[in-house]
PDB file of N, CA and C in Angstrom:
ATOM      1  N   UNK A   1     110.525 121.045 183.473  1.00  0.00           N
ATOM      2  CA  UNK A   1     110.781 119.413 182.162  1.00  0.00           C
ATOM      3  C   UNK A   1     111.433 120.075 182.984  1.00  0.00           C
ATOM      4  N   UNK A   2     111.957 118.314 183.059  1.00  0.00           N
ATOM      5  CA  UNK A   2     113.268 117.610 183.463  1.00  0.00           C
ATOM      6  C   UNK A   2     113.575 116.482 181.819  1.00  0.00           C
ATOM      7  N   UNK A   3     114.890 116.521 181.602  1.00  0.00           N
ATOM      8  CA  UNK A   3     115.523 116.504 180.819  1.00  0.00           C
ATOM      9  C   UNK A   3     115.907 114.497 180.797  1.00  0.00           C
ATOM     10  N   UNK A   4     116.375 114.174 179.361  1.00  0.00           N
ATOM     11  CA  UNK A   4     116.930 112.452 180.240  1.00  0.00           C
ATOM     12  C   UNK A   4     118.091 112.290 179.842  1.00  0.00           C
ATOM     13  N   UNK A   5     118.828 113.778 179.418  1.00  0.00           N
ATOM     14  CA  UNK A   5     119.912 113.664 178.398  1.00  0.00           C
ATOM     15  C   UNK A   5     121.397 113.288 179.232  1.00  0.00           C
ATOM     16  N   UNK A   6     121.597 112.951 180.424  1.00  0.00           N
ATOM     17  CA  UNK A   6     122.807 112.959 180.970  1.00  0.00           C
ATOM     18  C   UNK A   6     122.341 110.782 181.660  1.00  0.00           C
ATOM     19  N   UNK A   7     121.173 111.226 181.268  1.00  0.00           N
ATOM     20  CA  UNK A   7     121.463 109.346 182.226  1.00  0.00           C
ATOM     21  C   UNK A   7     121.550 108.201 181.289  1.00  0.00           C
ATOM     22  N   UNK A   8     121.895 107.449 182.046  1.00  0.00           N
ATOM     23  CA  UNK A   8     122.389 106.306 180.206  1.00  0.00           C
ATOM     24  C   UNK A   8     120.147 105.352 179.486  1.00  0.00           C
ATOM     25  N   UNK A   9     120.430 104.781 178.561  1.00  0.00           N
ATOM     26  CA  UNK A   9     119.074 104.403 178.252  1.00  0.00           C
ATOM     27  C   UNK A   9     118.940 103.420 179.595  1.00  0.00           C
ATOM     28  N   UNK A  10     117.789 103.130 179.469  1.00  0.00           N
ATOM     29  CA  UNK A  10     118.002 101.980 180.704  1.00  0.00           C
ATOM     30  C   UNK A  10     117.552 100.546 179.633  1.00  0.00           C
ATOM     31  N   UNK A  11     118.659  99.385 180.294  1.00  0.00           N
ATOM     32  CA  UNK A  11     118.810  98.681 178.642  1.00  0.00           C
ATOM     33  C   UNK A  11     117.965  97.214 179.074  1.00  0.00           C
ATOM     34  N   UNK A  12     117.167  96.066 178.084  1.00  0.00           N
ATOM     35  CA  UNK A  12     117.050  95.483 178.156  1.00  0.00           C
ATOM     36  C   UNK A  12     117.155  94.115 177.843  1.00  0.00           C
ATOM     37  N   UNK A  13     117.092  92.641 178.504  1.00  0.00           N
ATOM     38  CA  UNK A  13     117.365  92.429 178.376  1.00  0.00           C
ATOM     39  C   UNK A  13     116.769  90.962 176.925  1.00  0.00           C
ATOM     40  N   UNK A  14     117.364  90.802 175.728  1.00  0.00           N
ATOM     41  CA  UNK A  14     116.629  90.654 174.830  1.00  0.00           C
ATOM     42  C   UNK A  14     117.375  88.884 174.407  1.00  0.00           C
ATOM     43  N   UNK A  15     116.531  88.010 174.802  1.00  0.00           N
ATOM     44  CA  UNK A  15     116.963  86.648 174.664  1.00  0.00           C
ATOM     45  C   UNK A  15     116.217  85.970 173.234  1.00  0.00           C
ATOM     46  N   UNK A  16     116.634  85.079 173.065  1.00  0.00           N
ATOM     47  CA  UNK A  16     116.264  84.512 171.316  1.00  0.00           C
ATOM     48  C   UNK A  16     115.788  83.029 171.438  1.00  0.00           C
ATOM     49  N   UNK A  17     115.188  82.707 171.042  1.00  0.00           N
ATOM     50  CA  UNK A  17     114.419  81.789 172.038  1.00  0.00           C
ATOM     51  C   UNK A  17     114.837  79.938 170.860  1.00  0.00           C
ATOM     52  N   UNK A  18     115.917  79.203 171.360  1.00  0.00           N
ATOM     53  CA  UNK A  18     115.649  78.651 170.594  1.00  0.00           C
ATOM     54  C   UNK A  18     115.038  76.659 170.622  1.00  0.00           C
ATOM     55  N   UNK A  19     114.632  77.482 169.140  1.00  0.00           N
ATOM     56  CA  UNK A  19     113.241  76.499 169.929  1.00  0.00           C
ATOM     57  C   UNK A  19     113.634  75.798 167.787  1.00  0.00           C
ATOM     58  N   UNK A  20     113.302  74.694 167.459  1.00  0.00           N
ATOM     59  CA  UNK A  20     113.871  74.214 166.096  1.00  0.00           C
ATOM     60  C   UNK A  20     112.436  72.696 166.580  1.00  0.00           C
ATOM     61  N   UNK A  21     111.526  73.457 165.405  1.00  0.00           N
ATOM     62  CA  UNK A  21     110.235  72.570 165.131  1.00  0.00           C
ATOM     63  C   UNK A  21     110.767  71.370 164.440  1.00  0.00           C
ATOM     64  N   UNK A  22     110.271  70.153 163.740  1.00  0.00           N
ATOM     65  CA  UNK A  22     110.339  68.810 162.773  1.00  0.00           C
ATOM     66  C   UNK A  22     110.317  69.480 162.007  1.00  0.00           C
ATOM     67  N   UNK A  23     109.945  69.800 161.199  1.00  0.00           N
ATOM     68  CA  UNK A  23     109.682  70.576 159.833  1.00  0.00           C
ATOM     69  C   UNK A  23     111.343  72.106 159.603  1.00  0.00           C
ATOM     70  N   UNK A  24     111.411  72.413 160.901  1.00  0.00           N
ATOM     71  CA  UNK A  24     112.842  73.496 160.360  1.00  0.00           C
ATOM     72  C   UNK A  24     114.322  72.159 160.674  1.00  0.00           C
ATOM     73  N   UNK A  25     113.878  71.018 161.678  1.00  0.00           N
ATOM     74  CA  UNK A  25     114.527  70.119 161.778  1.00  0.00           C
ATOM     75  C   UNK A  25     115.349  69.609 159.937  1.00  0.00           C
ATOM     76  N   UNK A  26     113.850  69.153 159.482  1.00  0.00           N
ATOM     77  CA  UNK A  26     113.882  68.155 158.147  1.00  0.00           C
ATOM     78  C   UNK A  26     113.815  69.254 156.927  1.00  0.00           C
ATOM     79  N   UNK A  27     114.428  70.990 157.347  1.00  0.00           N
ATOM     80  CA  UNK A  27     114.245  71.420 156.311  1.00  0.00           C
ATOM     81  C   UNK A  27     115.715  71.782 155.935  1.00  0.00           C
ATOM     82  N   UNK A  28     116.567  71.583 156.997  1.00  0.00           N
ATOM     83  CA  UNK A  28     117.993  72.701 157.528  1.00  0.00           C
ATOM     84  C   UNK A  28     118.820  70.302 156.923  1.00  0.00           C
ATOM     85  N   UNK A  29     118.469  69.414 157.419  1.00  0.00           N
ATOM     86  CA  UNK A  29     118.605  68.063 156.781  1.00  0.00           C
ATOM     87  C   UNK A  29     118.849  67.985 155.624  1.00  0.00           C
ATOM     88  N   UNK A  30     117.387  68.242 155.120  1.00  0.00           N
ATOM     89  CA  UNK A  30     117.751  68.015 152.708  1.00  0.00           C
ATOM     90  C   UNK A  30     118.353  69.201 152.317  1.00  0.00           C
ATOM     91  N   UNK A  31     118.273  70.547 152.918  1.00  0.00           N
ATOM     92  CA  UNK A  31     119.162  71.527 152.528  1.00  0.00           C
ATOM     93  C   UNK A  31     120.686  70.911 153.064  1.00  0.00           C
ATOM     94  N   UNK A  32     121.106  70.289 153.406  1.00  0.00           N
ATOM     95  CA  UNK A  32     122.244  70.056 153.396  1.00  0.00           C
ATOM     96  C   UNK A  32     122.616  68.858 152.315  1.00  0.00           C
ATOM     97  N   UNK A  33     121.780  67.808 151.676  1.00  0.00           N
ATOM     98  CA  UNK A  33     121.181  66.565 151.403  1.00  0.00           C
ATOM     99  C   UNK A  33     121.328  67.273 150.093  1.00  0.00           C
ATOM    100  N   UNK A  34     121.366  68.413 149.719  1.00  0.00           N
ATOM    101  CA  UNK A  34     120.317  68.798 148.545  1.00  0.00           C
ATOM    102  C   UNK A  34     121.967  69.688 148.113  1.00  0.00           C
ATOM    103  N   UNK A  35     123.074  70.683 149.039  1.00  0.00           N
ATOM    104  CA  UNK A  35     124.517  71.184 149.273  1.00  0.00           C
ATOM    105  C   UNK A  35     125.352  69.438 148.514  1.00  0.00           C
ATOM    106  N   UNK A  36     125.083  68.808 149.192  1.00  0.00           N
ATOM    107  CA  UNK A  36     125.807  67.420 149.452  1.00  0.00           C
ATOM    108  C   UNK A  36     125.526  67.094 147.351  1.00  0.00           C
ATOM    109  N   UNK A  37     124.898  67.535 147.555  1.00  0.00           N
ATOM    110  CA  UNK A  37     124.623  66.480 144.929  1.00  0.00           C
ATOM    111  C   UNK A  37     125.655  67.745 144.550  1.00  0.00           C
ATOM    112  N   UNK A  38     125.580  69.178 144.867  1.00  0.00           N
ATOM    113  CA  UNK A  38     126.410  69.525 144.145  1.00  0.00           C
ATOM    114  C   UNK A  38     127.994  69.616 144.287  1.00  0.00           C
ATOM    115  N   UNK A  39     127.740  69.205 145.784  1.00  0.00           N
ATOM    116  CA  UNK A  39     128.912  68.677 146.198  1.00  0.00           C
ATOM    117  C   UNK A  39     130.375  67.608 144.746  1.00  0.00           C
ATOM    118  N   UNK A  40     129.137  67.254 145.914  1.00  0.00           N
ATOM    119  CA  UNK A  40     129.684  65.240 144.685  1.00  0.00           C
ATOM    120  C   UNK A  40     129.188  65.643 143.332  1.00  0.00           C
ATOM    121  N   UNK A  41     128.671  66.662 142.157  1.00  0.00           N
ATOM    122  CA  UNK A  41     128.783  66.701 140.842  1.00  0.00           C
ATOM    123  C   UNK A  41     130.131  67.315 140.909  1.00  0.00           C
ATOM    124  N   UNK A  42     130.153  68.437 141.210  1.00  0.00           N
ATOM    125  CA  UNK A  42     131.724  68.879 141.249  1.00  0.00           C
ATOM    126  C   UNK A  42     132.877  68.270 141.014  1.00  0.00           C
ATOM    127  N   UNK A  43     132.859  67.253 142.170  1.00  0.00           N
ATOM    128  CA  UNK A  43     134.343  66.468 142.699  1.00  0.00           C
ATOM    129  C   UNK A  43     134.369  65.660 141.436  1.00  0.00           C
ATOM    130  N   UNK A  44     133.175  65.136 140.663  1.00  0.00           N
ATOM    131  CA  UNK A  44     133.861  64.034 139.362  1.00  0.00           C
ATOM    132  C   UNK A  44     133.819  64.258 138.855  1.00  0.00           C
ATOM    133  N   UNK A  45     133.343  65.565 137.704  1.00  0.00           N
ATOM    134  CA  UNK A  45     133.659  66.706 137.154  1.00  0.00           C
ATOM    135  C   UNK A  45     135.065  66.826 137.014  1.00  0.00           C
ATOM    136  N   UNK A  46     135.236  67.169 138.415  1.00  0.00           N
ATOM    137  CA  UNK A  46     136.613  67.662 138.768  1.00  0.00           C
ATOM    138  C   UNK A  46     138.150  66.133 138.170  1.00  0.00           C
ATOM    139  N   UNK A  47     137.694  65.008 138.876  1.00  0.00           N
ATOM    140  CA  UNK A  47     138.737  64.542 139.035  1.00  0.00           C
ATOM    141  C   UNK A  47     137.578  63.259 137.753  1.00  0.00           C
ATOM    142  N   UNK A  48     137.438  63.049 136.940  1.00  0.00           N
ATOM    143  CA  UNK A  48     137.013  62.410 135.865  1.00  0.00           C
ATOM    144  C   UNK A  48     137.263  63.192 134.515  1.00  0.00           C
ATOM    145  N   UNK A  49     137.665  64.729 134.745  1.00  0.00           N
ATOM    146  CA  UNK A  49     137.442  65.682 133.628  1.00  0.00           C
ATOM    147  C   UNK A  49     136.508  65.379 132.084  1.00  0.00           C
ATOM    148  N   UNK A  50     136.824  64.404 131.456  1.00  0.00           N
ATOM    149  CA  UNK A  50     136.070  64.704 130.509  1.00  0.00           C
ATOM    150  C   UNK A  50     135.444  63.200 130.350  1.00  0.00           C
ATOM    151  N   UNK A  51     135.785  61.937 131.088  1.00  0.00           N
ATOM    152  CA  UNK A  51     134.866  61.147 131.183  1.00  0.00           C
ATOM    153  C   UNK A  51     133.991  61.125 131.924  1.00  0.00           C
ATOM    154  N   UNK A  52     133.162  62.297 133.017  1.00  0.00           N
ATOM    155  CA  UNK A  52     132.690  62.526 133.849  1.00  0.00           C
ATOM    156  C   UNK A  52     130.659  61.665 132.970  1.00  0.00           C
ATOM    157  N   UNK A  53     130.631  61.508 132.708  1.00  0.00           N
ATOM    158  CA  UNK A  53     129.730  60.735 132.039  1.00  0.00           C
ATOM    159  C   UNK A  53     129.839  59.359 131.526  1.00  0.00           C
ATOM    160  N   UNK A  54     130.339  59.393 131.741  1.00  0.00           N
ATOM    161  CA  UNK A  54     131.192  58.056 132.125  1.00  0.00           C
ATOM    162  C   UNK A  54     131.454  57.171 133.389  1.00  0.00           C
ATOM    163  N   UNK A  55     131.430  57.550 134.083  1.00  0.00           N
ATOM    164  CA  UNK A  55     131.747  57.440 135.501  1.00  0.00           C
ATOM    165  C   UNK A  55     130.178  57.989 136.043  1.00  0.00           C
ATOM    166  N   UNK A  56     129.716  58.673 135.588  1.00  0.00           N
ATOM    167  CA  UNK A  56     127.467  58.370 136.163  1.00  0.00           C
ATOM    168  C   UNK A  56     127.498  57.845 135.695  1.00  0.00           C
ATOM    169  N   UNK A  57     127.076  57.240 134.358  1.00  0.00           N
ATOM    170  CA  UNK A  57     126.790  56.123 133.757  1.00  0.00           C
ATOM    171  C   UNK A  57     127.195  54.874 134.301  1.00  0.00           C
ATOM    172  N   UNK A  58     128.488  54.685 134.547  1.00  0.00           N
ATOM    173  CA  UNK A  58     129.458  53.181 135.445  1.00  0.00           C
ATOM    174  C   UNK A  58     128.056  52.831 137.110  1.00  0.00           C
ATOM    175  N   UNK A  59     128.176  54.591 137.252  1.00  0.00           N
ATOM    176  CA  UNK A  59     127.342  54.759 138.571  1.00  0.00           C
ATOM    177  C   UNK A  59     125.739  54.430 138.744  1.00  0.00           C
ATOM    178  N   UNK A  60     125.533  54.135 137.629  1.00  0.00           N
ATOM    179  CA  UNK A  60     124.610  54.207 137.807  1.00  0.00           C
ATOM    180  C   UNK A  60     124.015  52.701 137.130  1.00  0.00           C
ATOM    181  N   UNK A  61     124.319  52.739 136.093  1.00  0.00           N
ATOM    182  CA  UNK A  61     124.548  50.536 136.740  1.00  0.00           C
ATOM    183  C   UNK A  61     124.973  50.109 137.913  1.00  0.00           C
ATOM    184  N   UNK A  62     125.848  50.221 138.502  1.00  0.00           N
ATOM    185  CA  UNK A  62     126.559  49.622 139.393  1.00  0.00           C
ATOM    186  C   UNK A  62     125.026  49.973 141.357  1.00  0.00           C
ATOM    187  N   UNK A  63     124.491  51.316 141.367  1.00  0.00           N
ATOM    188  CA  UNK A  63     123.304  51.797 141.436  1.00  0.00           C
ATOM    189  C   UNK A  63     122.199  50.715 141.303  1.00  0.00           C
ATOM    190  N   UNK A  64     121.676  50.494 139.936  1.00  0.00           N
ATOM    191  CA  UNK A  64     120.209  49.666 139.651  1.00  0.00           C
ATOM    192  C   UNK A  64     120.788  48.362 140.054  1.00  0.00           C
ATOM    193  N   UNK A  65     122.032  47.580 140.259  1.00  0.00           N
ATOM    194  CA  UNK A  65     122.096  46.682 140.119  1.00  0.00           C
ATOM    195  C   UNK A  65     121.861  46.341 141.373  1.00  0.00           C
ATOM    196  N   UNK A  66     122.500  46.718 142.159  1.00  0.00           N
ATOM    197  CA  UNK A  66     122.433  47.224 144.008  1.00  0.00           C
ATOM    198  C   UNK A  66     120.943  46.683 144.255  1.00  0.00           C
ATOM    199  N   UNK A  67     120.236  47.662 143.804  1.00  0.00           N
ATOM    200  CA  UNK A  67     118.706  48.050 144.078  1.00  0.00           C
ATOM    201  C   UNK A  67     117.830  46.583 143.725  1.00  0.00           C
ATOM    202  N   UNK A  68     118.299  46.003 142.923  1.00  0.00           N
ATOM    203  CA  UNK A  68     117.946  44.878 142.109  1.00  0.00           C
ATOM    204  C   UNK A  68     118.283  42.904 142.517  1.00  0.00           C
ATOM    205  N   UNK A  69     119.339  43.612 143.819  1.00  0.00           N
ATOM    206  CA  UNK A  69     120.316  42.410 144.155  1.00  0.00           C
ATOM    207  C   UNK A  69     119.370  41.780 145.477  1.00  0.00           C
TER     208      UNK A  69
END
């Protein structure tokens, strides 16, 4: 019987496939937008302090007025 203890193991080259489908691209973009919304909420709450509800009310009125224009 022969033993392979003295020989290094045979290495095979493994490569990942770099392929993103349209669904994968959409999912990454959708997740990024979702994360940005939470960051924006935190920034508004930090800068507006106790006036955050008023800031969101003003922003929503501006949004609706712009949409109706």
